[in-house]
Amino acid sequence: MGSKFYIVKKSDFPRLIGHLLAEFRVFAPVAADGEYNFRKIKRANEIRTESYVKSYINTEFPPKKFFLPEGEPMIEYGRKGKIKGTETPAKSVIFGVRPCDTHALDVLDRVMLKNGHADPYYRKRRDSVLVFALSCRKAGKNCFCASMGTEKAMKFDLLFTDEGKHFHIETGSARGKEVAGLPFFGRTARRAGKARLAFRKKLDTENLEEIMTASFGSGIWKLASERCLSCASCPNVCPKCYCIDMAH
């Protein structure tokens, strides 16, 4: 399925979000206490697109929480053996997902939706969410995406690129193409202009798998485990960790 390209004027963007709000829950990065996190949007003007260009690098917590929440009831047993399953998640749009997080989503999909072994809970949430990625226009001081090959978005329904007075839009799925059929979108034949991202940090990834395997018995892991408080912060912050624990 080939991508198609569109333009949405910044002046039309609030109207687009307002239209989506009538059918979807919409989440976008919102700043609080110096950090951006995905928050539910009630009005289109809550999405500050200009601040994204100036200060938004990434969210404090990844969008993984929409697909692998911190906790959820998987099945409930009632009296007389009655079983209650989980409800179908509400349809949602996540706007502002950075390219690196789309790569993490691809990892989760490959694990959780593996042929013949798909997790039904993950599948329900995945099918209920539209991912609107947002290209980076600058690199953060701790970003090293060039080393990992994650600076270009790969798993999205629509990819937004800020080009000043308008957004350039690339479709990445059939669902994305359906949204792009709204009257706010104008067709274009060109691809989005690429930003020159200046990464301050680099990681040598040559033979990285072999190095990690050889370091399995390293004392650094023992040191980390001794200091672990079992707060579960690391799997919540990591954008592609799929560790789970079940209890009844």
C-alpha atoms as a PDB file:
ATOM      1  CA  MET A   1       0.000   0.000   0.000  1.00  0.00           C
ATOM      2  CA  GLY A   2       1.644   3.203  -1.179  1.00  0.00           C
ATOM      3  CA  SER A   3       1.621   6.375   0.883  1.00  0.00           C
ATOM      4  CA  LYS A   4      -0.338   9.428  -0.181  1.00  0.00           C
ATOM      5  CA  PHE A   5       0.559  12.992   0.699  1.00  0.00           C
ATOM      6  CA  TYR A   6      -1.593  15.894   1.842  1.00  0.00           C
ATOM      7  CA  ILE A   7      -1.447  19.409   3.213  1.00  0.00           C
ATOM      8  CA  VAL A   8      -3.475  20.743   6.152  1.00  0.00           C
ATOM      9  CA  LYS A   9      -3.334  24.474   6.796  1.00  0.00           C
ATOM     10  CA  LYS A  10      -2.575  25.472  10.385  1.00  0.00           C
ATOM     11  CA  SER A  11      -5.712  27.616  10.279  1.00  0.00           C
ATOM     12  CA  ASP A  12      -7.760  24.473   9.523  1.00  0.00           C
ATOM     13  CA  PHE A  13      -6.059  22.281  12.116  1.00  0.00           C
ATOM     14  CA  PRO A  14      -8.377  23.255  15.037  1.00  0.00           C
ATOM     15  CA  ARG A  15     -11.382  22.435  12.854  1.00  0.00           C
ATOM     16  CA  LEU A  16      -9.878  19.037  12.050  1.00  0.00           C
ATOM     17  CA  ILE A  17      -9.349  18.258  15.742  1.00  0.00           C
ATOM     18  CA  GLY A  18     -12.849  19.502  16.549  1.00  0.00           C
ATOM     19  CA  HIS A  19     -14.263  17.143  13.921  1.00  0.00           C
ATOM     20  CA  LEU A  20     -12.322  14.209  15.374  1.00  0.00           C
ATOM     21  CA  LEU A  21     -13.467  15.035  18.907  1.00  0.00           C
ATOM     22  CA  ALA A  22     -17.040  14.300  17.850  1.00  0.00           C
ATOM     23  CA  GLU A  23     -16.109  10.643  17.217  1.00  0.00           C
ATOM     24  CA  PHE A  24     -12.865   9.943  19.070  1.00  0.00           C
ATOM     25  CA  ARG A  25     -11.135  10.563  22.332  1.00  0.00           C
ATOM     26  CA  VAL A  26      -8.167  12.728  21.364  1.00  0.00           C
ATOM     27  CA  PHE A  27      -4.868  12.718  23.255  1.00  0.00           C
ATOM     28  CA  ALA A  28      -1.945  15.073  22.662  1.00  0.00           C
ATOM     29  CA  PRO A  29       1.237  16.198  24.453  1.00  0.00           C
ATOM     30  CA  VAL A  30       0.451  18.771  27.148  1.00  0.00           C
ATOM     31  CA  ALA A  31       3.128  20.548  29.194  1.00  0.00           C
ATOM     32  CA  ALA A  32       2.980  20.515  33.001  1.00  0.00           C
ATOM     33  CA  ASP A  33       5.839  21.208  35.428  1.00  0.00           C
ATOM     34  CA  GLY A  34       8.290  21.386  32.551  1.00  0.00           C
ATOM     35  CA  GLU A  35       7.428  17.950  31.137  1.00  0.00           C
ATOM     36  CA  TYR A  36       5.171  16.905  28.268  1.00  0.00           C
ATOM     37  CA  ASN A  37       2.785  13.988  28.639  1.00  0.00           C
ATOM     38  CA  PHE A  38      -0.189  12.723  26.683  1.00  0.00           C
ATOM     39  CA  ARG A  39      -3.412  14.155  28.056  1.00  0.00           C
ATOM     40  CA  LYS A  40      -7.019  13.870  26.932  1.00  0.00           C
ATOM     41  CA  ILE A  41      -8.063  16.922  24.911  1.00  0.00           C
ATOM     42  CA  LYS A  42     -11.526  18.403  25.347  1.00  0.00           C
ATOM     43  CA  ARG A  43     -11.117  21.375  22.998  1.00  0.00           C
ATOM     44  CA  ALA A  44      -9.026  21.795  19.860  1.00  0.00           C
ATOM     45  CA  ASN A  45      -7.234  24.890  21.199  1.00  0.00           C
ATOM     46  CA  GLU A  46      -5.625  22.791  23.937  1.00  0.00           C
ATOM     47  CA  ILE A  47      -3.173  21.472  21.326  1.00  0.00           C
ATOM     48  CA  ARG A  48      -0.417  24.103  21.200  1.00  0.00           C
ATOM     49  CA  THR A  49       1.234  23.329  17.882  1.00  0.00           C
ATOM     50  CA  GLU A  50       3.617  26.283  18.021  1.00  0.00           C
ATOM     51  CA  SER A  51       5.016  25.203  21.391  1.00  0.00           C
ATOM     52  CA  TYR A  52       5.750  21.777  19.896  1.00  0.00           C
ATOM     53  CA  VAL A  53       8.206  23.355  17.473  1.00  0.00           C
ATOM     54  CA  LYS A  54       9.911  25.365  20.215  1.00  0.00           C
ATOM     55  CA  SER A  55      10.030  23.050  23.217  1.00  0.00           C
ATOM     56  CA  TYR A  56       8.443  19.617  22.694  1.00  0.00           C
ATOM     57  CA  ILE A  57      11.043  16.870  22.268  1.00  0.00           C
ATOM     58  CA  ASN A  58       9.255  13.829  23.650  1.00  0.00           C
ATOM     59  CA  THR A  59       6.813  12.838  26.364  1.00  0.00           C
ATOM     60  CA  GLU A  60       7.926  11.855  29.848  1.00  0.00           C
ATOM     61  CA  PHE A  61       5.971   8.587  29.543  1.00  0.00           C
ATOM     62  CA  PRO A  62       5.663   6.816  26.171  1.00  0.00           C
ATOM     63  CA  PRO A  63       2.387   6.203  24.312  1.00  0.00           C
ATOM     64  CA  LYS A  64       2.773   2.521  25.198  1.00  0.00           C
ATOM     65  CA  LYS A  65       0.326   3.115  28.062  1.00  0.00           C
ATOM     66  CA  PHE A  66      -2.529   3.228  25.533  1.00  0.00           C
ATOM     67  CA  PHE A  67      -1.741  -0.324  24.415  1.00  0.00           C
ATOM     68  CA  LEU A  68      -0.199  -1.905  27.532  1.00  0.00           C
ATOM     69  CA  PRO A  69      -1.719  -0.069  30.512  1.00  0.00           C
ATOM     70  CA  GLU A  70      -0.192  -0.292  33.984  1.00  0.00           C
ATOM     71  CA  GLY A  71      -3.091  -2.451  35.138  1.00  0.00           C
ATOM     72  CA  GLU A  72      -6.389  -3.791  33.846  1.00  0.00           C
ATOM     73  CA  PRO A  73      -8.948  -6.467  34.733  1.00  0.00           C
ATOM     74  CA  MET A  74      -8.553  -9.308  32.255  1.00  0.00           C
ATOM     75  CA  ILE A  75     -11.542 -11.369  33.331  1.00  0.00           C
ATOM     76  CA  GLU A  76     -14.090 -11.187  36.128  1.00  0.00           C
ATOM     77  CA  TYR A  77     -15.973 -14.058  37.721  1.00  0.00           C
ATOM     78  CA  GLY A  78     -19.418 -13.438  39.141  1.00  0.00           C
ATOM     79  CA  ARG A  79     -21.721 -15.566  41.196  1.00  0.00           C
ATOM     80  CA  LYS A  80     -23.038 -18.792  39.726  1.00  0.00           C
ATOM     81  CA  GLY A  81     -19.975 -19.028  37.488  1.00  0.00           C
ATOM     82  CA  LYS A  82     -20.861 -15.996  35.371  1.00  0.00           C
ATOM     83  CA  ILE A  83     -17.844 -14.667  33.483  1.00  0.00           C
ATOM     84  CA  LYS A  84     -17.513 -11.049  32.457  1.00  0.00           C
ATOM     85  CA  GLY A  85     -15.025 -10.139  29.729  1.00  0.00           C
ATOM     86  CA  THR A  86     -13.355  -6.805  29.111  1.00  0.00           C
ATOM     87  CA  GLU A  87     -15.203  -4.033  27.328  1.00  0.00           C
ATOM     88  CA  THR A  88     -14.224  -2.802  23.873  1.00  0.00           C
ATOM     89  CA  PRO A  89     -11.955   0.258  24.279  1.00  0.00           C
ATOM     90  CA  ALA A  90     -13.256   3.636  23.132  1.00  0.00           C
ATOM     91  CA  LYS A  91     -11.962   4.850  19.778  1.00  0.00           C
ATOM     92  CA  SER A  92      -9.010   7.186  20.282  1.00  0.00           C
ATOM     93  CA  VAL A  93      -6.545   9.368  18.398  1.00  0.00           C
ATOM     94  CA  ILE A  94      -3.033   9.953  19.739  1.00  0.00           C
ATOM     95  CA  PHE A  95      -1.524  13.057  18.162  1.00  0.00           C
ATOM     96  CA  GLY A  96       2.146  13.966  18.463  1.00  0.00           C
ATOM     97  CA  VAL A  97       3.776  10.525  18.700  1.00  0.00           C
ATOM     98  CA  ARG A  98       7.467  10.941  17.921  1.00  0.00           C
ATOM     99  CA  PRO A  99       9.226   8.716  15.319  1.00  0.00           C
ATOM    100  CA  CYS A 100      11.281   6.852  17.937  1.00  0.00           C
ATOM    101  CA  ASP A 101       8.075   5.818  19.700  1.00  0.00           C
ATOM    102  CA  THR A 102       6.600   4.532  16.430  1.00  0.00           C
ATOM    103  CA  HIS A 103       9.582   2.163  16.211  1.00  0.00           C
ATOM    104  CA  ALA A 104       8.882   1.006  19.762  1.00  0.00           C
ATOM    105  CA  LEU A 105       5.265   0.397  18.761  1.00  0.00           C
ATOM    106  CA  ASP A 106       6.487  -1.778  15.904  1.00  0.00           C
ATOM    107  CA  VAL A 107       8.445  -3.898  18.418  1.00  0.00           C
ATOM    108  CA  LEU A 108       5.338  -4.286  20.588  1.00  0.00           C
ATOM    109  CA  ASP A 109       3.252  -5.269  17.564  1.00  0.00           C
ATOM    110  CA  ARG A 110       5.758  -7.935  16.533  1.00  0.00           C
ATOM    111  CA  VAL A 111       5.647  -9.452  20.009  1.00  0.00           C
ATOM    112  CA  MET A 112       2.012  -8.994  21.000  1.00  0.00           C
ATOM    113  CA  LEU A 113       0.455  -9.682  17.595  1.00  0.00           C
ATOM    114  CA  LYS A 114       2.651 -12.603  16.596  1.00  0.00           C
ATOM    115  CA  ASN A 115       0.873 -14.873  14.120  1.00  0.00           C
ATOM    116  CA  GLY A 116      -1.139 -17.495  15.933  1.00  0.00           C
ATOM    117  CA  HIS A 117      -0.354 -16.043  19.354  1.00  0.00           C
ATOM    118  CA  ALA A 118      -1.874 -12.540  19.295  1.00  0.00           C
ATOM    119  CA  ASP A 119      -2.766 -11.077  22.672  1.00  0.00           C
ATOM    120  CA  PRO A 120      -6.527 -10.359  22.424  1.00  0.00           C
ATOM    121  CA  TYR A 121      -6.401  -7.505  24.957  1.00  0.00           C
ATOM    122  CA  TYR A 122      -3.579  -5.769  23.120  1.00  0.00           C
ATOM    123  CA  ARG A 123      -5.334  -6.361  19.799  1.00  0.00           C
ATOM    124  CA  LYS A 124      -8.515  -4.667  20.998  1.00  0.00           C
ATOM    125  CA  ARG A 125      -6.660  -1.569  22.138  1.00  0.00           C
ATOM    126  CA  ARG A 126      -4.436  -1.490  19.065  1.00  0.00           C
ATOM    127  CA  ASP A 127      -7.440  -1.629  16.745  1.00  0.00           C
ATOM    128  CA  SER A 128      -9.201   1.157  18.664  1.00  0.00           C
ATOM    129  CA  VAL A 129      -6.362   3.708  18.401  1.00  0.00           C
ATOM    130  CA  LEU A 130      -5.253   5.895  15.501  1.00  0.00           C
ATOM    131  CA  VAL A 131      -1.599   6.957  15.734  1.00  0.00           C
ATOM    132  CA  PHE A 132      -0.870  10.450  14.402  1.00  0.00           C
ATOM    133  CA  ALA A 133       2.924  10.722  14.441  1.00  0.00           C
ATOM    134  CA  LEU A 134       4.730  14.075  14.439  1.00  0.00           C
ATOM    135  CA  SER A 135       8.125  14.440  12.770  1.00  0.00           C
ATOM    136  CA  CYS A 136      10.939  15.968  14.814  1.00  0.00           C
ATOM    137  CA  ARG A 137      12.241  19.376  13.746  1.00  0.00           C
ATOM    138  CA  LYS A 138      15.127  19.303  16.222  1.00  0.00           C
ATOM    139  CA  ALA A 139      16.945  16.763  18.375  1.00  0.00           C
ATOM    140  CA  GLY A 140      17.002  16.846  22.166  1.00  0.00           C
ATOM    141  CA  LYS A 141      20.209  16.848  24.172  1.00  0.00           C
ATOM    142  CA  ASN A 142      19.748  13.171  25.086  1.00  0.00           C
ATOM    143  CA  CYS A 143      18.535  11.912  21.699  1.00  0.00           C
ATOM    144  CA  PHE A 144      20.637   9.383  19.751  1.00  0.00           C
ATOM    145  CA  CYS A 145      18.089   8.264  17.151  1.00  0.00           C
ATOM    146  CA  ALA A 146      20.584   8.369  14.265  1.00  0.00           C
ATOM    147  CA  SER A 147      22.596   5.602  15.939  1.00  0.00           C
ATOM    148  CA  MET A 148      19.513   3.393  16.216  1.00  0.00           C
ATOM    149  CA  GLY A 149      17.927   4.289  12.876  1.00  0.00           C
ATOM    150  CA  THR A 150      14.762   5.526  14.559  1.00  0.00           C
ATOM    151  CA  GLU A 151      14.688   9.155  13.397  1.00  0.00           C
ATOM    152  CA  LYS A 152      12.210   8.325  10.624  1.00  0.00           C
ATOM    153  CA  ALA A 153       8.674   7.291  11.619  1.00  0.00           C
ATOM    154  CA  MET A 154       7.606   3.818  10.520  1.00  0.00           C
ATOM    155  CA  LYS A 155       4.382   2.689  12.264  1.00  0.00           C
ATOM    156  CA  PHE A 156       1.621   5.288  12.016  1.00  0.00           C
ATOM    157  CA  ASP A 157      -1.761   6.025  10.511  1.00  0.00           C
ATOM    158  CA  LEU A 158      -0.864   9.615   9.651  1.00  0.00           C
ATOM    159  CA  LEU A 159       2.506  11.366   9.858  1.00  0.00           C
ATOM    160  CA  PHE A 160       2.408  15.122  10.443  1.00  0.00           C
ATOM    161  CA  THR A 161       5.392  17.310   9.544  1.00  0.00           C
ATOM    162  CA  ASP A 162       5.319  20.953  10.607  1.00  0.00           C
ATOM    163  CA  GLU A 163       6.219  23.171   7.648  1.00  0.00           C
ATOM    164  CA  GLY A 164       5.395  26.572   9.106  1.00  0.00           C
ATOM    165  CA  LYS A 165       1.958  27.678   7.977  1.00  0.00           C
ATOM    166  CA  HIS A 166       0.760  24.148   7.294  1.00  0.00           C
ATOM    167  CA  PHE A 167       1.293  20.475   8.118  1.00  0.00           C
ATOM    168  CA  HIS A 168       2.497  18.046   5.497  1.00  0.00           C
ATOM    169  CA  ILE A 169       0.676  14.720   5.967  1.00  0.00           C
ATOM    170  CA  GLU A 170       1.769  11.237   4.913  1.00  0.00           C
ATOM    171  CA  THR A 171      -0.617   8.288   5.159  1.00  0.00           C
ATOM    172  CA  GLY A 172       0.637   5.033   6.642  1.00  0.00           C
ATOM    173  CA  SER A 173      -2.481   2.862   6.737  1.00  0.00           C
ATOM    174  CA  ALA A 174      -5.914   2.356   5.230  1.00  0.00           C
ATOM    175  CA  ARG A 175      -7.433   3.982   8.317  1.00  0.00           C
ATOM    176  CA  GLY A 176      -5.156   6.971   7.827  1.00  0.00           C
ATOM    177  CA  LYS A 177      -6.273   7.319   4.225  1.00  0.00           C
ATOM    178  CA  GLU A 178      -9.879   7.303   5.395  1.00  0.00           C
ATOM    179  CA  VAL A 179      -9.208  10.233   7.750  1.00  0.00           C
ATOM    180  CA  ALA A 180      -7.336  12.025   4.969  1.00  0.00           C
ATOM    181  CA  GLY A 181     -10.566  11.989   2.974  1.00  0.00           C
ATOM    182  CA  LEU A 182     -11.952  14.741   5.218  1.00  0.00           C
ATOM    183  CA  PRO A 183     -12.336  18.153   3.554  1.00  0.00           C
ATOM    184  CA  PHE A 184      -9.542  19.695   5.657  1.00  0.00           C
ATOM    185  CA  PHE A 185      -6.930  17.779   3.641  1.00  0.00           C
ATOM    186  CA  GLY A 186      -5.574  18.961   0.301  1.00  0.00           C
ATOM    187  CA  ARG A 187      -3.607  16.591  -1.971  1.00  0.00           C
ATOM    188  CA  THR A 188       0.035  17.149  -2.852  1.00  0.00           C
ATOM    189  CA  ALA A 189       2.481  15.047  -4.845  1.00  0.00           C
ATOM    190  CA  ARG A 190       5.627  15.914  -2.901  1.00  0.00           C
ATOM    191  CA  ARG A 191       7.141  14.372   0.190  1.00  0.00           C
ATOM    192  CA  ALA A 192       7.786  16.385   3.333  1.00  0.00           C
ATOM    193  CA  GLY A 193      10.973  18.397   3.606  1.00  0.00           C
ATOM    194  CA  LYS A 194      13.574  16.734   5.832  1.00  0.00           C
ATOM    195  CA  ALA A 195      14.880  18.484   8.919  1.00  0.00           C
ATOM    196  CA  ARG A 196      18.604  18.364   9.662  1.00  0.00           C
ATOM    197  CA  LEU A 197      18.705  16.928  13.157  1.00  0.00           C
ATOM    198  CA  ALA A 198      21.893  17.597  15.114  1.00  0.00           C
ATOM    199  CA  PHE A 199      22.343  14.673  17.505  1.00  0.00           C
ATOM    200  CA  ARG A 200      24.774  15.320  20.349  1.00  0.00           C
ATOM    201  CA  LYS A 201      24.948  11.697  21.456  1.00  0.00           C
ATOM    202  CA  LYS A 202      25.936   8.624  19.501  1.00  0.00           C
ATOM    203  CA  LEU A 203      26.048   4.915  20.232  1.00  0.00           C
ATOM    204  CA  ASP A 204      28.306   2.443  18.476  1.00  0.00           C
ATOM    205  CA  THR A 205      25.899  -0.390  17.596  1.00  0.00           C
ATOM    206  CA  GLU A 206      28.412  -2.614  15.808  1.00  0.00           C
ATOM    207  CA  ASN A 207      28.285  -6.132  17.281  1.00  0.00           C
ATOM    208  CA  LEU A 208      25.994  -4.787  20.009  1.00  0.00           C
ATOM    209  CA  GLU A 209      24.060  -8.059  20.363  1.00  0.00           C
ATOM    210  CA  GLU A 210      27.265 -10.050  20.853  1.00  0.00           C
ATOM    211  CA  ILE A 211      28.556  -7.501  23.369  1.00  0.00           C
ATOM    212  CA  MET A 212      25.341  -7.682  25.390  1.00  0.00           C
ATOM    213  CA  THR A 213      25.390 -11.488  25.356  1.00  0.00           C
ATOM    214  CA  ALA A 214      29.008 -11.559  26.498  1.00  0.00           C
ATOM    215  CA  SER A 215      28.162  -9.145  29.322  1.00  0.00           C
ATOM    216  CA  PHE A 216      25.370 -11.286  30.749  1.00  0.00           C
ATOM    217  CA  GLY A 217      27.394 -12.115  33.849  1.00  0.00           C
ATOM    218  CA  SER A 218      28.708  -8.599  34.377  1.00  0.00           C
ATOM    219  CA  GLY A 219      28.693  -7.248  37.922  1.00  0.00           C
ATOM    220  CA  ILE A 220      26.853  -4.137  36.788  1.00  0.00           C
ATOM    221  CA  TRP A 221      23.595  -6.122  36.650  1.00  0.00           C
ATOM    222  CA  LYS A 222      24.089  -7.287  40.234  1.00  0.00           C
ATOM    223  CA  LEU A 223      24.691  -3.705  41.299  1.00  0.00           C
ATOM    224  CA  ALA A 224      21.482  -2.636  39.550  1.00  0.00           C
ATOM    225  CA  SER A 225      19.436  -5.401  41.196  1.00  0.00           C
ATOM    226  CA  GLU A 226      20.775  -4.513  44.645  1.00  0.00           C
ATOM    227  CA  ARG A 227      19.610  -0.937  44.202  1.00  0.00           C
ATOM    228  CA  CYS A 228      16.227  -1.868  42.703  1.00  0.00           C
ATOM    229  CA  LEU A 229      13.250  -0.716  44.775  1.00  0.00           C
ATOM    230  CA  SER A 230      10.724  -2.786  42.760  1.00  0.00           C
ATOM    231  CA  CYS A 231       8.763   0.375  41.995  1.00  0.00           C
ATOM    232  CA  ALA A 232       8.003  -0.793  38.425  1.00  0.00           C
ATOM    233  CA  SER A 233       8.994   2.596  36.991  1.00  0.00           C
ATOM    234  CA  CYS A 234      11.408   1.108  34.451  1.00  0.00           C
ATOM    235  CA  PRO A 235       8.813  -0.965  32.517  1.00  0.00           C
ATOM    236  CA  ASN A 236       6.413   1.995  32.538  1.00  0.00           C
ATOM    237  CA  VAL A 237       9.005   4.444  31.198  1.00  0.00           C
ATOM    238  CA  CYS A 238      10.540   2.066  28.647  1.00  0.00           C
ATOM    239  CA  PRO A 239       8.642   2.531  25.341  1.00  0.00           C
ATOM    240  CA  LYS A 240       8.881  -1.116  24.282  1.00  0.00           C
ATOM    241  CA  CYS A 241       9.066  -3.202  27.460  1.00  0.00           C
ATOM    242  CA  TYR A 242       6.296  -5.826  27.420  1.00  0.00           C
ATOM    243  CA  CYS A 243       6.886  -7.421  30.821  1.00  0.00           C
ATOM    244  CA  ILE A 244       3.618  -8.284  32.557  1.00  0.00           C
ATOM    245  CA  ASP A 245       2.484  -9.903  35.783  1.00  0.00           C
ATOM    246  CA  MET A 246      -0.900 -11.546  36.307  1.00  0.00           C
ATOM    247  CA  ALA A 247      -2.681 -12.073  39.599  1.00  0.00           C
ATOM    248  CA  HIS A 248      -6.106 -13.166  40.773  1.00  0.00           C
END
